[in-house]
Amino acid sequence: MEENPYLKERVESVEVKPRRVSELLRSMSRTAYQGRKLGEVYEILLKMFEDPRVTVFMGLAGSMAPAGMWKIVRWLVDEGFVDVLVSTGANISEDIVEAMGFGYYRGSPHADDYDLFKHKVDRFYDVYASELDYRSMENLVLEFLLTLPDGAYSTAELLYLFGRFLSGRGIDSIVTAAYRSGVPVFSPALVDSGYGIAAVLALREGKRVVIDMVRDFDQLIRIAEHSEETAAIYVGGGVPKDIINLVTVAQTLIAERSGRRDYYKPHKFAVQVTTDLPQWGGLSGATLEEAVSWGKTSPWGYKATVHVDATIALPLLVHAIAEEVVARRPKKRLIELLVSASG
């Protein structure tokens, strides 16, 4: 009988036995549905981290710090698994609350929110935060901004200086780790966070700190141009995902203006952890396959999306990486392309 071309690789049922997280994820990659996709994301991450030519961009959306995820991101930065971080302002401000010694608290999505308001408690779904602790973080950012000379800064420049400031205070947040490791941190919507509150308060005190977003984007593009190849890790979607995607498009358009036709430099590797779906037409849910049509991801590269809550996927993926990737990736210290070591 002629072999059926569709019936070649069997689904392998998961055996219950003692094993490491990395072994479980490899087993899941041979199952189905989102379990398979989570396993595939893990296997692509391993390939990504093994390729020395690749600059790894991480897009971090949402508000992961109150959910207990920020130390995972800090570890990735410290260990050299992330070369460039592009984040919402929330993720790189709300982590500072805990790094300052305050905390977040397990709560209920069914709480009386007016009663929480009266007690100065802010709610993130099932997590509570003290409004007063949050203001302490914003006041710390304000204190930092007031130390700066008036002028224009990209977010990477501003956050590099802030990382140095926090390091001097012994506050070990994500941007502190980035400062320590030479990882540029970009936040294209930085004012949509505690940084924005602090910046307005500084402005009312006469401090003129201007965020130059065109300079920000240009610096991101220059890092990609400097890189032999690029890769993307998307946690959620939003602005961080879009701007990392647009870095590839910008290189094509810049090349065309210099006379190079049909120049494309898409991401060689791309993985995404998201709960958004493609049928609504938004970028956050857009598939990595759709991105091929824009020249954002390679048709011949490695890509996988898993539709799962990041608070489930991140701990599993990163613990598996910690188990299996013994050799630390050499740090590229790309911040040195943007600002001097002396700041």
Protein backbone atom coordinates (compact mmCIF):
# COMPACT_ATOMS: atom_id res chain seq x y z
CA MET A 1 0.00 0.00 0.00
CA GLU A 2 1.10 3.54 -0.73
CA GLU A 3 2.17 5.43 2.40
CA ASN A 4 -0.26 8.14 3.54
CA PRO A 5 1.71 11.44 3.52
CA TYR A 6 -0.44 12.83 6.34
CA LEU A 7 0.14 10.02 8.80
CA LYS A 8 3.84 10.21 9.50
CA GLU A 9 4.38 11.61 13.00
CA ARG A 10 2.33 10.20 15.83
CA VAL A 11 1.00 12.23 18.73
CA GLU A 12 2.89 10.93 21.76
CA SER A 13 0.83 10.68 24.93
CA VAL A 14 2.44 12.23 28.00
CA GLU A 15 3.71 9.68 30.48
CA VAL A 16 3.41 10.56 34.17
CA LYS A 17 6.88 10.16 35.69
CA PRO A 18 9.48 12.16 37.59
CA ARG A 19 11.18 14.53 35.18
CA ARG A 20 12.57 18.03 34.76
CA VAL A 21 10.46 20.90 33.41
CA SER A 22 12.60 20.97 30.24
CA GLU A 23 11.87 17.27 29.65
CA LEU A 24 8.15 17.85 30.15
CA LEU A 25 8.10 20.70 27.61
CA ARG A 26 9.92 18.56 25.06
CA SER A 27 7.31 15.85 25.62
CA MET A 28 4.49 18.39 25.24
CA SER A 29 5.90 19.47 21.86
CA ARG A 30 4.86 16.06 20.56
CA THR A 31 1.25 16.36 21.78
CA ALA A 32 -1.42 18.76 20.42
CA TYR A 33 -3.21 22.09 20.79
CA GLN A 34 -1.55 24.74 22.95
CA GLY A 35 0.50 22.15 24.83
CA ARG A 36 2.31 21.39 21.57
CA LYS A 37 2.73 25.09 20.83
CA LEU A 38 4.25 25.74 24.26
CA GLY A 39 6.73 22.93 23.62
CA GLU A 40 7.51 24.34 20.16
CA VAL A 41 8.10 27.81 21.62
CA TYR A 42 10.57 26.27 24.05
CA GLU A 43 12.45 24.42 21.32
CA ILE A 44 12.72 27.60 19.23
CA LEU A 45 14.01 29.54 22.24
CA LEU A 46 16.79 26.98 22.61
CA LYS A 47 17.77 27.41 18.95
CA MET A 48 17.62 31.18 19.35
CA PHE A 49 19.90 31.23 22.36
CA GLU A 50 22.40 28.87 20.73
CA ASP A 51 22.92 31.19 17.72
CA PRO A 52 25.71 33.69 18.49
CA ARG A 53 24.87 35.83 15.44
CA VAL A 54 21.43 36.72 16.76
CA THR A 55 20.48 39.82 18.74
CA VAL A 56 17.46 38.95 20.91
CA PHE A 57 14.77 41.62 21.28
CA MET A 58 12.17 41.01 23.99
CA GLY A 59 8.81 42.77 23.79
CA LEU A 60 7.14 42.88 27.20
CA ALA A 61 3.53 44.07 27.28
CA GLY A 62 0.88 44.35 29.96
CA SER A 63 1.51 44.53 33.68
CA MET A 64 3.52 41.50 34.71
CA ALA A 65 5.20 42.80 37.87
CA PRO A 66 2.15 42.71 40.20
CA ALA A 67 1.55 39.14 39.01
CA GLY A 68 4.98 38.05 40.26
CA MET A 69 6.73 37.78 36.87
CA TRP A 70 9.29 40.59 37.00
CA LYS A 71 12.14 38.61 38.58
CA ILE A 72 11.92 36.16 35.66
CA VAL A 73 12.55 39.05 33.25
CA ARG A 74 15.36 40.36 35.45
CA TRP A 75 16.97 36.90 35.40
CA LEU A 76 16.78 36.73 31.58
CA VAL A 77 18.53 40.10 31.40
CA ASP A 78 21.16 39.18 34.00
CA GLU A 79 21.93 35.86 32.30
CA GLY A 80 22.36 37.34 28.83
CA PHE A 81 19.25 35.84 27.23
CA VAL A 82 17.86 39.28 26.32
CA ASP A 83 20.01 41.77 24.39
CA VAL A 84 17.37 44.52 23.99
CA LEU A 85 14.23 44.98 26.10
CA VAL A 86 11.20 46.87 24.80
CA SER A 87 8.61 47.24 27.53
CA THR A 88 5.47 49.00 28.60
CA GLY A 89 6.11 51.61 31.27
CA ALA A 90 4.08 49.52 33.71
CA ASN A 91 6.46 46.56 33.64
CA ILE A 92 9.53 48.66 34.41
CA SER A 93 7.93 50.82 37.10
CA GLU A 94 5.68 48.45 39.04
CA ASP A 95 8.59 46.05 39.60
CA ILE A 96 10.32 48.87 41.48
CA VAL A 97 7.56 48.84 44.10
CA GLU A 98 8.62 45.35 45.22
CA ALA A 99 12.32 46.09 44.67
CA MET A 100 11.93 49.00 47.11
CA GLY A 101 10.75 46.54 49.77
CA PHE A 102 6.99 46.95 49.38
CA GLY A 103 4.72 44.20 48.12
CA TYR A 104 1.69 43.12 46.16
CA TYR A 105 -1.07 41.12 47.81
CA ARG A 106 -3.35 38.30 46.74
CA GLY A 107 -6.89 39.61 46.46
CA SER A 108 -10.19 38.90 44.73
CA PRO A 109 -11.68 40.09 41.43
CA HIS A 110 -15.02 40.21 43.24
CA ALA A 111 -13.98 42.75 45.87
CA ASP A 112 -15.96 45.91 46.61
CA ASP A 113 -13.84 48.35 44.59
CA TYR A 114 -15.27 51.43 46.27
CA ASP A 115 -14.24 49.99 49.62
CA LEU A 116 -10.77 49.32 48.20
CA PHE A 117 -10.66 52.94 47.03
CA LYS A 118 -11.54 54.17 50.53
CA HIS A 119 -8.67 52.09 51.93
CA LYS A 120 -6.25 53.39 49.25
CA VAL A 121 -5.89 49.94 47.70
CA ASP A 122 -5.48 49.58 43.92
CA ARG A 123 -6.66 46.37 42.24
CA PHE A 124 -5.06 44.48 39.33
CA TYR A 125 -7.72 41.80 38.73
CA ASP A 126 -6.94 39.52 41.75
CA VAL A 127 -3.92 41.45 43.07
CA TYR A 128 -3.96 44.37 45.50
CA ALA A 129 -1.40 47.17 45.78
CA SER A 130 -1.12 49.97 48.30
CA GLU A 131 -1.73 53.31 46.61
CA LEU A 132 0.71 54.84 49.08
CA ASP A 133 3.43 52.34 48.11
CA TYR A 134 2.74 53.12 44.46
CA ARG A 135 3.16 56.84 45.17
CA SER A 136 6.48 56.10 46.87
CA MET A 137 7.67 54.54 43.62
CA GLU A 138 6.47 57.55 41.61
CA ASN A 139 8.22 59.89 44.04
CA LEU A 140 11.43 57.90 43.58
CA VAL A 141 11.16 58.38 39.81
CA LEU A 142 10.47 62.08 40.41
CA GLU A 143 13.56 62.34 42.63
CA PHE A 144 15.62 60.81 39.82
CA LEU A 145 14.19 63.11 37.13
CA LEU A 146 15.01 66.17 39.21
CA THR A 147 18.70 65.14 39.18
CA LEU A 148 18.88 65.24 35.37
CA PRO A 149 20.05 68.18 33.26
CA ASP A 150 17.22 69.68 31.23
CA GLY A 151 17.12 68.31 27.71
CA ALA A 152 15.93 65.57 25.37
CA TYR A 153 16.52 61.88 26.01
CA SER A 154 15.56 58.67 24.30
CA THR A 155 13.90 56.24 26.67
CA ALA A 156 16.97 53.98 26.39
CA GLU A 157 19.20 56.83 27.54
CA LEU A 158 16.82 57.85 30.31
CA LEU A 159 16.37 54.31 31.61
CA TYR A 160 20.11 53.63 31.48
CA LEU A 161 20.64 56.61 33.78
CA PHE A 162 17.74 55.51 35.97
CA GLY A 163 19.25 52.02 36.24
CA ARG A 164 22.49 53.59 37.42
CA PHE A 165 20.54 55.71 39.93
CA LEU A 166 18.70 52.67 41.28
CA SER A 167 21.90 50.64 41.43
CA GLY A 168 23.38 53.34 43.65
CA ARG A 169 20.35 53.01 45.92
CA GLY A 170 20.57 49.22 46.10
CA ILE A 171 17.20 48.82 44.37
CA ASP A 172 17.56 45.78 42.11
CA SER A 173 14.80 46.14 39.50
CA ILE A 174 14.65 45.19 35.81
CA VAL A 175 16.28 48.45 34.67
CA THR A 176 18.96 48.01 37.35
CA ALA A 177 19.82 44.61 35.87
CA ALA A 178 19.78 46.14 32.39
CA TYR A 179 22.22 48.85 33.52
CA ARG A 180 24.44 46.17 35.05
CA SER A 181 24.36 44.02 31.89
CA GLY A 182 24.55 46.77 29.28
CA VAL A 183 21.07 45.95 27.92
CA PRO A 184 19.22 48.91 26.36
CA VAL A 185 15.65 49.27 27.63
CA PHE A 186 13.18 51.08 25.39
CA SER A 187 9.65 52.05 26.41
CA PRO A 188 7.82 53.66 23.48
CA ALA A 189 4.79 54.55 25.63
CA LEU A 190 6.75 55.40 28.78
CA VAL A 191 4.46 58.20 29.97
CA ASP A 192 1.56 55.73 30.12
CA SER A 193 2.78 54.66 33.57
CA GLY A 194 4.18 55.98 36.83
CA TYR A 195 6.96 57.58 34.79
CA GLY A 196 4.39 59.85 33.17
CA ILE A 197 3.02 60.94 36.55
CA ALA A 198 6.54 61.64 37.80
CA ALA A 199 7.47 63.53 34.61
CA VAL A 200 4.45 65.83 34.89
CA LEU A 201 5.23 66.51 38.55
CA ALA A 202 8.82 67.32 37.55
CA LEU A 203 7.55 69.61 34.78
CA ARG A 204 5.39 71.50 37.29
CA GLU A 205 8.57 72.07 39.31
CA GLY A 206 10.33 73.56 36.26
CA LYS A 207 12.28 70.48 35.14
CA ARG A 208 12.35 70.12 31.33
CA VAL A 209 13.00 66.45 30.61
CA VAL A 210 11.78 65.68 27.08
CA ILE A 211 11.35 62.16 25.68
CA ASP A 212 12.41 62.11 22.03
CA MET A 213 10.50 59.19 20.49
CA VAL A 214 11.98 59.60 17.00
CA ARG A 215 15.46 59.32 18.50
CA ASP A 216 14.22 56.30 20.43
CA PHE A 217 13.08 54.53 17.26
CA ASP A 218 16.24 55.48 15.39
CA GLN A 219 18.37 53.92 18.14
CA LEU A 220 16.36 50.70 17.98
CA ILE A 221 16.87 50.56 14.21
CA ARG A 222 20.60 51.22 14.56
CA ILE A 223 20.93 48.28 16.94
CA ALA A 224 19.18 46.04 14.39
CA GLU A 225 21.39 47.37 11.58
CA HIS A 226 24.45 46.65 13.72
CA SER A 227 23.25 43.07 14.31
CA GLU A 228 24.02 40.23 11.93
CA GLU A 229 20.57 38.72 12.57
CA THR A 230 17.70 39.43 14.95
CA ALA A 231 15.17 37.45 16.97
CA ALA A 232 12.03 38.44 18.84
CA ILE A 233 10.39 37.18 22.02
CA TYR A 234 6.92 38.65 22.50
CA VAL A 235 5.15 38.47 25.83
CA GLY A 236 1.75 39.83 24.89
CA GLY A 237 1.51 42.30 22.02
CA GLY A 238 0.81 46.02 22.02
CA VAL A 239 3.34 48.74 21.31
CA PRO A 240 6.42 46.66 22.30
CA LYS A 241 5.59 43.99 19.70
CA ASP A 242 4.72 46.48 16.98
CA ILE A 243 7.86 48.58 17.29
CA ILE A 244 10.15 45.53 17.29
CA ASN A 245 8.34 44.43 14.12
CA LEU A 246 8.67 47.90 12.58
CA VAL A 247 12.44 47.82 13.10
CA THR A 248 12.60 45.30 10.24
CA VAL A 249 10.36 47.38 7.96
CA ALA A 250 12.40 50.54 8.63
CA GLN A 251 15.61 48.83 7.56
CA THR A 252 14.02 47.96 4.21
CA LEU A 253 12.88 51.55 3.62
CA ILE A 254 16.23 53.03 4.68
CA ALA A 255 18.02 50.65 2.31
CA GLU A 256 15.74 51.65 -0.57
CA ARG A 257 16.56 55.34 -0.07
CA SER A 258 20.25 54.46 -0.33
CA GLY A 259 19.69 52.63 -3.63
CA ARG A 260 19.41 49.03 -2.41
CA ARG A 261 16.29 47.40 -3.83
CA ASP A 262 14.41 44.49 -2.27
CA TYR A 263 16.55 44.52 0.88
CA TYR A 264 14.90 42.58 3.69
CA LYS A 265 16.19 41.67 7.13
CA PRO A 266 13.30 39.92 8.92
CA HIS A 267 13.60 38.32 12.34
CA LYS A 268 15.16 34.88 11.99
CA PHE A 269 13.46 33.61 15.16
CA ALA A 270 10.18 34.80 16.63
CA VAL A 271 8.05 33.41 19.45
CA GLN A 272 4.95 34.87 21.04
CA VAL A 273 3.04 34.18 24.25
CA THR A 274 -0.37 35.82 24.00
CA THR A 275 -4.05 35.49 24.82
CA ASP A 276 -5.05 37.72 21.89
CA LEU A 277 -6.53 36.22 18.72
CA PRO A 278 -5.96 37.15 15.07
CA GLN A 279 -9.56 37.39 13.86
CA TRP A 280 -10.14 40.81 15.45
CA GLY A 281 -7.51 42.35 13.15
CA GLY A 282 -5.33 43.83 15.88
CA LEU A 283 -1.55 43.66 15.99
CA SER A 284 -1.49 41.97 19.39
CA GLY A 285 -3.25 38.92 18.01
CA ALA A 286 -1.68 38.99 14.55
CA THR A 287 0.11 35.79 13.69
CA LEU A 288 3.83 35.54 13.12
CA GLU A 289 2.97 34.02 9.74
CA GLU A 290 1.04 37.17 8.79
CA ALA A 291 4.17 39.14 9.66
CA VAL A 292 5.98 37.39 6.77
CA SER A 293 3.86 39.45 4.32
CA TRP A 294 5.36 42.63 5.80
CA GLY A 295 8.93 41.38 5.82
CA LYS A 296 8.90 41.28 9.62
CA THR A 297 9.53 37.57 10.13
CA SER A 298 11.42 35.21 7.86
CA PRO A 299 9.46 32.71 5.74
CA TRP A 300 12.38 30.30 6.29
CA GLY A 301 12.99 31.10 9.96
CA TYR A 302 11.65 29.61 13.17
CA LYS A 303 8.42 30.94 14.63
CA ALA A 304 5.68 29.78 16.99
CA THR A 305 2.83 31.35 18.95
CA VAL A 306 1.24 29.86 22.04
CA HIS A 307 -2.13 31.20 23.17
CA VAL A 308 -1.79 31.03 26.93
CA ASP A 309 -1.60 33.37 29.92
CA ALA A 310 1.98 34.60 30.30
CA THR A 311 1.83 33.89 34.05
CA ILE A 312 1.59 30.20 33.11
CA ALA A 313 4.02 30.13 30.18
CA LEU A 314 6.86 32.31 31.49
CA PRO A 315 7.66 30.32 34.67
CA LEU A 316 7.63 27.01 32.74
CA LEU A 317 9.70 28.23 29.80
CA VAL A 318 12.31 30.07 31.84
CA HIS A 319 12.74 27.34 34.45
CA ALA A 320 13.32 24.90 31.60
CA ILE A 321 15.92 27.26 30.10
CA ALA A 322 17.63 27.51 33.49
CA GLU A 323 17.79 23.70 33.63
CA GLU A 324 19.04 23.07 30.12
CA VAL A 325 21.12 26.03 28.96
CA VAL A 326 24.31 25.61 30.93
CA ALA A 327 26.56 28.02 29.03
CA ARG A 328 25.66 31.67 29.61
CA ARG A 329 25.28 33.71 26.40
CA PRO A 330 27.97 36.36 25.95
CA LYS A 331 26.55 39.78 26.73
CA LYS A 332 26.52 42.14 23.76
CA ARG A 333 26.34 45.30 25.93
CA LEU A 334 24.50 47.16 23.17
CA ILE A 335 23.88 50.15 25.41
CA GLU A 336 27.44 51.15 24.53
CA LEU A 337 26.25 51.91 21.00
CA LEU A 338 23.92 54.55 22.44
CA VAL A 339 25.51 56.16 25.48
CA SER A 340 29.00 56.29 26.92
CA ALA A 341 29.83 54.06 29.89
CA SER A 342 30.27 57.15 32.02
CA GLY A 343 26.77 58.36 31.10
